[in-house]
Amino acid sequence: MKNFKSHFVFNRSQQNGIFLLVIIIVVLQLIYHFVDFNSSEVSQKTNSQNLVAVQHSIDSLKAKAQKSDSIKLYPFNPNYITDYKGYVLGMSTEEIDRILEYRKKDKWVNSVDEFQKVTGVSDSLLKNISPYFKFPNWVNQNRSSAAKGKINNKSVVSKSDLNTASAEDLQKVNGIGGVLSGRIVKYRTKIGGFLSDIQLKDIYGLSLETRQELLTYFTVITSPEVKILNINESSVLQLSELPYIDYELAREIVNYRLLHETIHNFEELAKLKDFPSEKIDRIALYLSVD
């Protein structure tokens, strides 16, 4: 009996061990009864939904990036096409070289048909890019005037020389009074005479309609003798003496030329600060890039 009783007598460390075991059993029972082990499936489902949402976001960003990388075309003068511009448009090297060689001869393309004739681009490519062609206003005006003359079968009016007309002569044109005629004569004197009719665009207050009316009766017949300067060889002082170019702009042009070794076309000048890009067609009357 004494030996049997000894099996139920424990020292303090054994009692502590038994007590700890009981606590562990109770905790495990509580976990078994109260913890939902199916929550892991819910968590996995939530994670899956999150991954789908993230993938949708990535796809959306990719679509936006592709859209922003697409080529956007803006109206441009096909006479100033560069190698890069032609490549972007889809022209071949030979087609680009043809238009560049044509411009080196100081010749201008003034219509879509003429552009195709010079470059030899395909009809399909021409159809895609020709809507963006923007020819100078005077080209469109001449084309419109010629079309009207053909339709109405009117005889061509004999025109007087814009460079010799007096202020009184100019006032005979509808829409031109003493102020406008004075500005025209004063500006003509300032630049040493008109080289082209397009320089009338620089007369303040002369509207498009009035300019067209003026060109019905007057045009540049005897233009002044002007030395065409090579923009890649001219000094700051020489450039600053030209109409449309002041000393600061001339210095910017020369600095740009020194930095890039040479200027290949007039389009490059548009990168310069405060360069009057809208006057390139008039500036080109006094400069060459050969």
C-alpha atoms as a PDB file:
ATOM      1  CA  MET A   1       0.000   0.000   0.000  1.00  0.00           C
ATOM      2  CA  LYS A   2       2.859   2.294   0.788  1.00  0.00           C
ATOM      3  CA  ASN A   3       4.432   1.619  -2.591  1.00  0.00           C
ATOM      4  CA  PHE A   4       1.139   2.292  -4.409  1.00  0.00           C
ATOM      5  CA  LYS A   5       0.761   5.642  -2.642  1.00  0.00           C
ATOM      6  CA  SER A   6       4.224   6.681  -3.653  1.00  0.00           C
ATOM      7  CA  HIS A   7       3.087   6.835  -7.324  1.00  0.00           C
ATOM      8  CA  PHE A   8       0.854   9.820  -6.543  1.00  0.00           C
ATOM      9  CA  VAL A   9       3.393  11.820  -4.596  1.00  0.00           C
ATOM     10  CA  PHE A  10       5.223  14.472  -6.730  1.00  0.00           C
ATOM     11  CA  ASN A  11       7.912  16.942  -5.921  1.00  0.00           C
ATOM     12  CA  ARG A  12       7.531  20.654  -6.789  1.00  0.00           C
ATOM     13  CA  SER A  13       9.215  20.520 -10.223  1.00  0.00           C
ATOM     14  CA  GLN A  14       7.014  17.589 -11.245  1.00  0.00           C
ATOM     15  CA  GLN A  15       3.932  19.434 -10.098  1.00  0.00           C
ATOM     16  CA  ASN A  16       4.940  22.436 -12.190  1.00  0.00           C
ATOM     17  CA  GLY A  17       5.453  20.232 -15.234  1.00  0.00           C
ATOM     18  CA  ILE A  18       2.031  18.642 -14.817  1.00  0.00           C
ATOM     19  CA  PHE A  19       0.417  22.061 -14.438  1.00  0.00           C
ATOM     20  CA  LEU A  20       2.133  23.341 -17.626  1.00  0.00           C
ATOM     21  CA  LEU A  21       0.978  20.247 -19.561  1.00  0.00           C
ATOM     22  CA  VAL A  22      -2.605  20.816 -18.466  1.00  0.00           C
ATOM     23  CA  ILE A  23      -2.430  24.453 -19.653  1.00  0.00           C
ATOM     24  CA  ILE A  24      -1.076  23.381 -23.073  1.00  0.00           C
ATOM     25  CA  ILE A  25      -3.888  20.837 -23.480  1.00  0.00           C
ATOM     26  CA  VAL A  26      -6.522  23.429 -22.573  1.00  0.00           C
ATOM     27  CA  VAL A  27      -5.061  25.980 -25.021  1.00  0.00           C
ATOM     28  CA  LEU A  28      -4.983  23.457 -27.864  1.00  0.00           C
ATOM     29  CA  GLN A  29      -8.612  22.525 -27.161  1.00  0.00           C
ATOM     30  CA  LEU A  30      -9.628  26.185 -27.276  1.00  0.00           C
ATOM     31  CA  ILE A  31      -7.780  26.693 -30.557  1.00  0.00           C
ATOM     32  CA  TYR A  32      -9.445  23.650 -32.065  1.00  0.00           C
ATOM     33  CA  HIS A  33     -12.935  24.791 -31.099  1.00  0.00           C
ATOM     34  CA  PHE A  34     -12.722  28.537 -31.778  1.00  0.00           C
ATOM     35  CA  VAL A  35     -10.246  29.057 -34.656  1.00  0.00           C
ATOM     36  CA  ASP A  36     -11.684  28.819 -38.238  1.00  0.00           C
ATOM     37  CA  PHE A  37      -9.076  26.994 -40.288  1.00  0.00           C
ATOM     38  CA  ASN A  38     -11.016  27.754 -43.482  1.00  0.00           C
ATOM     39  CA  SER A  39      -9.894  31.423 -43.238  1.00  0.00           C
ATOM     40  CA  SER A  40      -6.718  30.524 -45.132  1.00  0.00           C
ATOM     41  CA  GLU A  41      -8.870  29.741 -48.156  1.00  0.00           C
ATOM     42  CA  VAL A  42     -10.534  33.152 -47.829  1.00  0.00           C
ATOM     43  CA  SER A  43      -7.107  34.762 -47.590  1.00  0.00           C
ATOM     44  CA  GLN A  44      -5.940  32.953 -50.709  1.00  0.00           C
ATOM     45  CA  LYS A  45      -9.077  34.061 -52.556  1.00  0.00           C
ATOM     46  CA  THR A  46      -8.502  37.676 -51.455  1.00  0.00           C
ATOM     47  CA  ASN A  47      -4.892  37.540 -52.578  1.00  0.00           C
ATOM     48  CA  SER A  48      -6.000  36.165 -55.938  1.00  0.00           C
ATOM     49  CA  GLN A  49      -8.470  39.044 -56.364  1.00  0.00           C
ATOM     50  CA  ASN A  50      -5.750  41.545 -55.475  1.00  0.00           C
ATOM     51  CA  LEU A  51      -3.413  40.028 -58.060  1.00  0.00           C
ATOM     52  CA  VAL A  52      -6.108  40.331 -60.736  1.00  0.00           C
ATOM     53  CA  ALA A  53      -6.668  43.992 -59.826  1.00  0.00           C
ATOM     54  CA  VAL A  54      -2.923  44.701 -59.972  1.00  0.00           C
ATOM     55  CA  GLN A  55      -2.675  42.995 -63.379  1.00  0.00           C
ATOM     56  CA  HIS A  56      -5.548  45.140 -64.687  1.00  0.00           C
ATOM     57  CA  SER A  57      -3.710  48.241 -63.507  1.00  0.00           C
ATOM     58  CA  ILE A  58      -0.512  47.135 -65.235  1.00  0.00           C
ATOM     59  CA  ASP A  59      -2.385  46.443 -68.480  1.00  0.00           C
ATOM     60  CA  SER A  60      -4.026  49.873 -68.289  1.00  0.00           C
ATOM     61  CA  LEU A  61      -0.650  51.589 -67.795  1.00  0.00           C
ATOM     62  CA  LYS A  62       0.818  49.670 -70.733  1.00  0.00           C
ATOM     63  CA  ALA A  63      -2.072  50.746 -72.959  1.00  0.00           C
ATOM     64  CA  LYS A  64      -1.577  54.379 -71.964  1.00  0.00           C
ATOM     65  CA  ALA A  65       2.165  54.136 -72.608  1.00  0.00           C
ATOM     66  CA  GLN A  66       1.618  52.662 -76.056  1.00  0.00           C
ATOM     67  CA  LYS A  67      -0.879  55.388 -76.847  1.00  0.00           C
ATOM     68  CA  SER A  68       1.532  58.125 -75.751  1.00  0.00           C
ATOM     69  CA  ASP A  69       4.333  56.558 -77.811  1.00  0.00           C
ATOM     70  CA  SER A  70       2.272  56.689 -80.992  1.00  0.00           C
ATOM     71  CA  ILE A  71       3.363  59.260 -83.574  1.00  0.00           C
ATOM     72  CA  LYS A  72       1.315  62.442 -83.668  1.00  0.00           C
ATOM     73  CA  LEU A  73       1.420  64.444 -86.881  1.00  0.00           C
ATOM     74  CA  TYR A  74       0.922  68.175 -87.007  1.00  0.00           C
ATOM     75  CA  PRO A  75       0.618  70.454 -90.057  1.00  0.00           C
ATOM     76  CA  PHE A  76       4.033  71.062 -91.648  1.00  0.00           C
ATOM     77  CA  ASN A  77       5.589  72.485 -94.799  1.00  0.00           C
ATOM     78  CA  PRO A  78       6.859  69.507 -96.857  1.00  0.00           C
ATOM     79  CA  ASN A  79       9.670  71.684 -98.217  1.00  0.00           C
ATOM     80  CA  TYR A  80      11.377  71.503 -94.813  1.00  0.00           C
ATOM     81  CA  ILE A  81      11.337  67.731 -94.359  1.00  0.00           C
ATOM     82  CA  THR A  82      14.478  66.470 -92.621  1.00  0.00           C
ATOM     83  CA  ASP A  83      15.951  62.967 -92.630  1.00  0.00           C
ATOM     84  CA  TYR A  84      14.347  62.242 -89.269  1.00  0.00           C
ATOM     85  CA  LYS A  85      10.996  63.748 -90.238  1.00  0.00           C
ATOM     86  CA  GLY A  86      10.921  61.719 -93.446  1.00  0.00           C
ATOM     87  CA  TYR A  87      11.774  58.540 -91.542  1.00  0.00           C
ATOM     88  CA  VAL A  88       8.933  59.191 -89.084  1.00  0.00           C
ATOM     89  CA  LEU A  89       6.528  59.754 -91.978  1.00  0.00           C
ATOM     90  CA  GLY A  90       7.505  56.405 -93.498  1.00  0.00           C
ATOM     91  CA  MET A  91       9.491  57.699 -96.466  1.00  0.00           C
ATOM     92  CA  SER A  92      12.420  55.714 -97.840  1.00  0.00           C
ATOM     93  CA  THR A  93      15.966  57.082 -97.877  1.00  0.00           C
ATOM     94  CA  GLU A  94      15.795  57.606-101.640  1.00  0.00           C
ATOM     95  CA  GLU A  95      12.533  59.561-101.377  1.00  0.00           C
ATOM     96  CA  ILE A  96      13.951  61.795 -98.648  1.00  0.00           C
ATOM     97  CA  ASP A  97      17.133  62.425-100.660  1.00  0.00           C
ATOM     98  CA  ARG A  98      15.075  63.497-103.695  1.00  0.00           C
ATOM     99  CA  ILE A  99      13.251  66.272-101.837  1.00  0.00           C
ATOM    100  CA  LEU A 100      16.493  67.402-100.166  1.00  0.00           C
ATOM    101  CA  GLU A 101      18.285  67.579-103.525  1.00  0.00           C
ATOM    102  CA  TYR A 102      15.324  69.461-104.978  1.00  0.00           C
ATOM    103  CA  ARG A 103      15.528  72.063-102.208  1.00  0.00           C
ATOM    104  CA  LYS A 104      19.296  72.424-102.645  1.00  0.00           C
ATOM    105  CA  LYS A 105      18.542  73.762-106.118  1.00  0.00           C
ATOM    106  CA  ASP A 106      16.439  76.471-104.431  1.00  0.00           C
ATOM    107  CA  LYS A 107      13.251  74.955-105.816  1.00  0.00           C
ATOM    108  CA  TRP A 108       9.996  74.707-103.887  1.00  0.00           C
ATOM    109  CA  VAL A 109       7.234  72.119-103.834  1.00  0.00           C
ATOM    110  CA  ASN A 110       3.920  73.972-103.967  1.00  0.00           C
ATOM    111  CA  SER A 111       1.337  71.188-104.247  1.00  0.00           C
ATOM    112  CA  VAL A 112       0.646  67.600-103.208  1.00  0.00           C
ATOM    113  CA  ASP A 113       1.018  66.390-106.794  1.00  0.00           C
ATOM    114  CA  GLU A 114       4.341  68.163-107.155  1.00  0.00           C
ATOM    115  CA  PHE A 115       5.573  66.583-103.904  1.00  0.00           C
ATOM    116  CA  GLN A 116       4.773  63.105-105.231  1.00  0.00           C
ATOM    117  CA  LYS A 117       6.368  63.901-108.583  1.00  0.00           C
ATOM    118  CA  VAL A 118       9.614  65.024-106.925  1.00  0.00           C
ATOM    119  CA  THR A 119       9.868  62.328-104.229  1.00  0.00           C
ATOM    120  CA  GLY A 120       8.160  59.397-105.958  1.00  0.00           C
ATOM    121  CA  VAL A 121       6.245  58.357-102.810  1.00  0.00           C
ATOM    122  CA  SER A 122       3.461  55.818-103.203  1.00  0.00           C
ATOM    123  CA  ASP A 123      -0.196  56.781-103.452  1.00  0.00           C
ATOM    124  CA  SER A 124      -0.977  55.072-100.138  1.00  0.00           C
ATOM    125  CA  LEU A 125       1.728  56.979 -98.231  1.00  0.00           C
ATOM    126  CA  LEU A 126       0.764  60.245 -99.913  1.00  0.00           C
ATOM    127  CA  LYS A 127      -2.841  59.706 -98.864  1.00  0.00           C
ATOM    128  CA  ASN A 128      -1.753  59.337 -95.226  1.00  0.00           C
ATOM    129  CA  ILE A 129       0.578  62.338 -94.987  1.00  0.00           C
ATOM    130  CA  SER A 130      -0.767  64.880 -97.503  1.00  0.00           C
ATOM    131  CA  PRO A 131      -3.636  66.032 -95.216  1.00  0.00           C
ATOM    132  CA  TYR A 132      -0.926  67.458 -92.928  1.00  0.00           C
ATOM    133  CA  PHE A 133       0.822  69.462 -95.654  1.00  0.00           C
ATOM    134  CA  LYS A 134       0.752  73.181 -94.933  1.00  0.00           C
ATOM    135  CA  PHE A 135       1.912  75.386 -97.781  1.00  0.00           C
ATOM    136  CA  PRO A 136       2.548  79.136 -97.326  1.00  0.00           C
ATOM    137  CA  ASN A 137      -0.483  81.403 -97.598  1.00  0.00           C
ATOM    138  CA  TRP A 138       0.748  82.993-100.785  1.00  0.00           C
ATOM    139  CA  VAL A 139       0.799  79.572-102.501  1.00  0.00           C
ATOM    140  CA  ASN A 140      -2.780  78.899-101.487  1.00  0.00           C
ATOM    141  CA  GLN A 141      -3.799  82.403-102.532  1.00  0.00           C
ATOM    142  CA  ASN A 142      -2.233  82.052-105.965  1.00  0.00           C
ATOM    143  CA  ARG A 143      -3.821  78.627-106.397  1.00  0.00           C
ATOM    144  CA  SER A 144      -7.211  80.005-105.363  1.00  0.00           C
ATOM    145  CA  SER A 145      -6.862  83.028-107.629  1.00  0.00           C
ATOM    146  CA  ALA A 146      -5.896  80.828-110.560  1.00  0.00           C
ATOM    147  CA  ALA A 147      -8.874  78.557-109.952  1.00  0.00           C
ATOM    148  CA  LYS A 148     -11.255  81.505-109.752  1.00  0.00           C
ATOM    149  CA  GLY A 149      -9.858  82.983-112.934  1.00  0.00           C
ATOM    150  CA  LYS A 150     -10.326  79.686-114.698  1.00  0.00           C
ATOM    151  CA  ILE A 151     -13.913  79.283-113.524  1.00  0.00           C
ATOM    152  CA  ASN A 152     -14.997  82.842-114.191  1.00  0.00           C
ATOM    153  CA  ASN A 153     -12.977  83.024-117.403  1.00  0.00           C
ATOM    154  CA  LYS A 154     -11.807  86.551-116.500  1.00  0.00           C
ATOM    155  CA  SER A 155      -8.778  88.157-118.066  1.00  0.00           C
ATOM    156  CA  VAL A 156      -5.755  88.661-115.822  1.00  0.00           C
ATOM    157  CA  VAL A 157      -5.407  92.183-114.444  1.00  0.00           C
ATOM    158  CA  SER A 158      -2.175  93.913-115.432  1.00  0.00           C
ATOM    159  CA  LYS A 159      -0.297  94.412-112.162  1.00  0.00           C
ATOM    160  CA  SER A 160       1.931  97.295-111.114  1.00  0.00           C
ATOM    161  CA  ASP A 161       5.251  97.005-109.334  1.00  0.00           C
ATOM    162  CA  LEU A 162       4.843  96.903-105.562  1.00  0.00           C
ATOM    163  CA  ASN A 163       8.359  98.299-105.146  1.00  0.00           C
ATOM    164  CA  THR A 164       7.709 101.461-107.143  1.00  0.00           C
ATOM    165  CA  ALA A 165       4.128 102.196-106.112  1.00  0.00           C
ATOM    166  CA  SER A 166       3.556 105.396-104.193  1.00  0.00           C
ATOM    167  CA  ALA A 167       1.351 105.746-101.139  1.00  0.00           C
ATOM    168  CA  GLU A 168      -1.263 107.427-103.337  1.00  0.00           C
ATOM    169  CA  ASP A 169      -1.187 104.502-105.781  1.00  0.00           C
ATOM    170  CA  LEU A 170      -1.756 102.028-102.977  1.00  0.00           C
ATOM    171  CA  GLN A 171      -4.715 104.003-101.629  1.00  0.00           C
ATOM    172  CA  LYS A 172      -6.636 103.211-104.813  1.00  0.00           C
ATOM    173  CA  VAL A 173      -7.034  99.660-103.493  1.00  0.00           C
ATOM    174  CA  ASN A 174     -10.225  99.073-101.558  1.00  0.00           C
ATOM    175  CA  GLY A 175      -9.470  98.857 -97.821  1.00  0.00           C
ATOM    176  CA  ILE A 176      -6.172 100.780 -97.918  1.00  0.00           C
ATOM    177  CA  GLY A 177      -6.168 104.322 -96.604  1.00  0.00           C
ATOM    178  CA  GLY A 178      -3.489 106.817 -95.716  1.00  0.00           C
ATOM    179  CA  VAL A 179      -2.301 104.926 -92.616  1.00  0.00           C
ATOM    180  CA  LEU A 180      -1.875 101.521 -94.257  1.00  0.00           C
ATOM    181  CA  SER A 181      -0.327 102.889 -97.436  1.00  0.00           C
ATOM    182  CA  GLY A 182       2.146 104.853 -95.321  1.00  0.00           C
ATOM    183  CA  ARG A 183       3.096 101.731 -93.350  1.00  0.00           C
ATOM    184  CA  ILE A 184       3.655  99.747 -96.541  1.00  0.00           C
ATOM    185  CA  VAL A 185       5.945 102.391 -98.061  1.00  0.00           C
ATOM    186  CA  LYS A 186       7.795 102.900 -94.759  1.00  0.00           C
ATOM    187  CA  TYR A 187       8.380  99.157 -94.277  1.00  0.00           C
ATOM    188  CA  ARG A 188       9.457  98.766 -97.900  1.00  0.00           C
ATOM    189  CA  THR A 189      12.077 101.475 -97.363  1.00  0.00           C
ATOM    190  CA  LYS A 190      13.221  99.917 -94.089  1.00  0.00           C
ATOM    191  CA  ILE A 191      14.010  96.499 -95.627  1.00  0.00           C
ATOM    192  CA  GLY A 192      15.430  97.949 -98.839  1.00  0.00           C
ATOM    193  CA  GLY A 193      12.546  96.819-101.026  1.00  0.00           C
ATOM    194  CA  PHE A 194      10.307  93.780-101.150  1.00  0.00           C
ATOM    195  CA  LEU A 195      11.829  90.514-102.359  1.00  0.00           C
ATOM    196  CA  SER A 196       8.494  88.722-102.372  1.00  0.00           C
ATOM    197  CA  ASP A 197       4.787  89.454-101.995  1.00  0.00           C
ATOM    198  CA  ILE A 198       4.754  87.357 -98.815  1.00  0.00           C
ATOM    199  CA  GLN A 199       6.538  90.174 -96.979  1.00  0.00           C
ATOM    200  CA  LEU A 200       3.268  92.073 -96.950  1.00  0.00           C
ATOM    201  CA  LYS A 201       2.333  89.741 -94.098  1.00  0.00           C
ATOM    202  CA  ASP A 202       4.600  91.867 -91.901  1.00  0.00           C
ATOM    203  CA  ILE A 203       2.548  95.043 -92.336  1.00  0.00           C
ATOM    204  CA  TYR A 204       0.682  95.699 -89.121  1.00  0.00           C
ATOM    205  CA  GLY A 205      -3.071  96.081 -89.627  1.00  0.00           C
ATOM    206  CA  LEU A 206      -3.105  94.679 -93.165  1.00  0.00           C
ATOM    207  CA  SER A 207      -5.755  91.955 -93.076  1.00  0.00           C
ATOM    208  CA  LEU A 208      -5.696  88.857 -95.250  1.00  0.00           C
ATOM    209  CA  GLU A 209      -8.637  90.071 -97.316  1.00  0.00           C
ATOM    210  CA  THR A 210      -7.072  93.486 -97.932  1.00  0.00           C
ATOM    211  CA  ARG A 211      -3.711  91.890 -98.762  1.00  0.00           C
ATOM    212  CA  GLN A 212      -5.379  89.653-101.320  1.00  0.00           C
ATOM    213  CA  GLU A 213      -7.121  92.678-102.833  1.00  0.00           C
ATOM    214  CA  LEU A 214      -3.800  94.543-102.964  1.00  0.00           C
ATOM    215  CA  LEU A 215      -2.085  91.642-104.720  1.00  0.00           C
ATOM    216  CA  THR A 216      -4.771  91.749-107.395  1.00  0.00           C
ATOM    217  CA  TYR A 217      -3.264  95.021-108.631  1.00  0.00           C
ATOM    218  CA  PHE A 218       0.317  95.015-107.294  1.00  0.00           C
ATOM    219  CA  THR A 219       3.154  92.505-107.114  1.00  0.00           C
ATOM    220  CA  VAL A 220       6.950  92.460-106.835  1.00  0.00           C
ATOM    221  CA  ILE A 221       8.265  92.935-110.352  1.00  0.00           C
ATOM    222  CA  THR A 222      11.673  94.525-109.818  1.00  0.00           C
ATOM    223  CA  SER A 223      13.180  93.182-106.612  1.00  0.00           C
ATOM    224  CA  PRO A 224      16.308  94.738-105.057  1.00  0.00           C
ATOM    225  CA  GLU A 225      19.676  93.072-105.457  1.00  0.00           C
ATOM    226  CA  VAL A 226      20.320  91.172-102.261  1.00  0.00           C
ATOM    227  CA  LYS A 227      23.235  88.879-101.511  1.00  0.00           C
ATOM    228  CA  ILE A 228      21.966  85.597-100.135  1.00  0.00           C
ATOM    229  CA  LEU A 229      24.035  84.770 -97.065  1.00  0.00           C
ATOM    230  CA  ASN A 230      25.091  81.256 -96.189  1.00  0.00           C
ATOM    231  CA  ILE A 231      23.921  80.761 -92.619  1.00  0.00           C
ATOM    232  CA  ASN A 232      26.833  78.390 -91.941  1.00  0.00           C
ATOM    233  CA  GLU A 233      29.438  80.952 -92.970  1.00  0.00           C
ATOM    234  CA  SER A 234      28.007  84.325 -91.942  1.00  0.00           C
ATOM    235  CA  SER A 235      29.151  86.269 -88.896  1.00  0.00           C
ATOM    236  CA  VAL A 236      26.960  87.657 -86.129  1.00  0.00           C
ATOM    237  CA  LEU A 237      27.244  91.156 -87.595  1.00  0.00           C
ATOM    238  CA  GLN A 238      26.275  90.027 -91.094  1.00  0.00           C
ATOM    239  CA  LEU A 239      23.230  88.148 -89.831  1.00  0.00           C
ATOM    240  CA  SER A 240      22.114  91.024 -87.608  1.00  0.00           C
ATOM    241  CA  GLU A 241      21.920  93.320 -90.648  1.00  0.00           C
ATOM    242  CA  LEU A 242      19.206  91.172 -92.228  1.00  0.00           C
ATOM    243  CA  PRO A 243      15.501  91.902 -91.796  1.00  0.00           C
ATOM    244  CA  TYR A 244      13.810  89.819 -89.071  1.00  0.00           C
ATOM    245  CA  ILE A 245      17.123  89.107 -87.294  1.00  0.00           C
ATOM    246  CA  ASP A 246      18.476  91.358 -84.540  1.00  0.00           C
ATOM    247  CA  TYR A 247      21.890  91.146 -82.912  1.00  0.00           C
ATOM    248  CA  GLU A 248      20.784  88.864 -80.042  1.00  0.00           C
ATOM    249  CA  LEU A 249      19.120  86.391 -82.395  1.00  0.00           C
ATOM    250  CA  ALA A 250      22.140  86.475 -84.723  1.00  0.00           C
ATOM    251  CA  ARG A 251      24.375  85.576 -81.799  1.00  0.00           C
ATOM    252  CA  GLU A 252      22.057  82.712 -80.820  1.00  0.00           C
ATOM    253  CA  ILE A 253      22.212  81.374 -84.387  1.00  0.00           C
ATOM    254  CA  VAL A 254      26.017  81.492 -84.509  1.00  0.00           C
ATOM    255  CA  ASN A 255      26.338  79.868 -81.061  1.00  0.00           C
ATOM    256  CA  TYR A 256      23.989  77.076 -82.134  1.00  0.00           C
ATOM    257  CA  ARG A 257      26.006  76.611 -85.323  1.00  0.00           C
ATOM    258  CA  LEU A 258      29.291  76.380 -83.392  1.00  0.00           C
ATOM    259  CA  LEU A 259      27.785  73.887 -80.948  1.00  0.00           C
ATOM    260  CA  HIS A 260      26.360  71.612 -83.667  1.00  0.00           C
ATOM    261  CA  GLU A 261      29.105  72.310 -86.251  1.00  0.00           C
ATOM    262  CA  THR A 262      26.571  73.084 -88.987  1.00  0.00           C
ATOM    263  CA  ILE A 263      22.915  74.008 -89.566  1.00  0.00           C
ATOM    264  CA  HIS A 264      21.234  71.622 -91.993  1.00  0.00           C
ATOM    265  CA  ASN A 265      17.853  73.276 -92.471  1.00  0.00           C
ATOM    266  CA  PHE A 266      15.719  76.166 -91.350  1.00  0.00           C
ATOM    267  CA  GLU A 267      13.627  73.908 -89.112  1.00  0.00           C
ATOM    268  CA  GLU A 268      16.580  73.668 -86.739  1.00  0.00           C
ATOM    269  CA  LEU A 269      16.383  77.403 -86.102  1.00  0.00           C
ATOM    270  CA  ALA A 270      12.958  76.933 -84.516  1.00  0.00           C
ATOM    271  CA  LYS A 271      14.758  75.371 -81.540  1.00  0.00           C
ATOM    272  CA  LEU A 272      16.343  78.716 -80.712  1.00  0.00           C
ATOM    273  CA  LYS A 273      14.846  80.889 -78.006  1.00  0.00           C
ATOM    274  CA  ASP A 274      12.620  83.703 -79.344  1.00  0.00           C
ATOM    275  CA  PHE A 275      13.160  82.619 -82.947  1.00  0.00           C
ATOM    276  CA  PRO A 276      10.249  83.893 -85.105  1.00  0.00           C
ATOM    277  CA  SER A 277       9.239  80.523 -86.562  1.00  0.00           C
ATOM    278  CA  GLU A 278       6.200  82.037 -88.242  1.00  0.00           C
ATOM    279  CA  LYS A 279       8.567  84.115 -90.408  1.00  0.00           C
ATOM    280  CA  ILE A 280      10.749  81.299 -91.728  1.00  0.00           C
ATOM    281  CA  ASP A 281       9.346  81.736 -95.237  1.00  0.00           C
ATOM    282  CA  ARG A 282      10.513  85.384 -95.247  1.00  0.00           C
ATOM    283  CA  ILE A 283      13.835  84.722 -93.523  1.00  0.00           C
ATOM    284  CA  ALA A 284      14.575  82.084 -96.167  1.00  0.00           C
ATOM    285  CA  LEU A 285      14.532  84.883 -98.775  1.00  0.00           C
ATOM    286  CA  TYR A 286      17.819  86.184 -97.378  1.00  0.00           C
ATOM    287  CA  LEU A 287      19.573  83.017 -96.223  1.00  0.00           C
ATOM    288  CA  SER A 288      20.694  79.638 -97.527  1.00  0.00           C
ATOM    289  CA  VAL A 289      21.861  76.552 -95.656  1.00  0.00           C
ATOM    290  CA  ASP A 290      24.184  75.198 -98.369  1.00  0.00           C
END
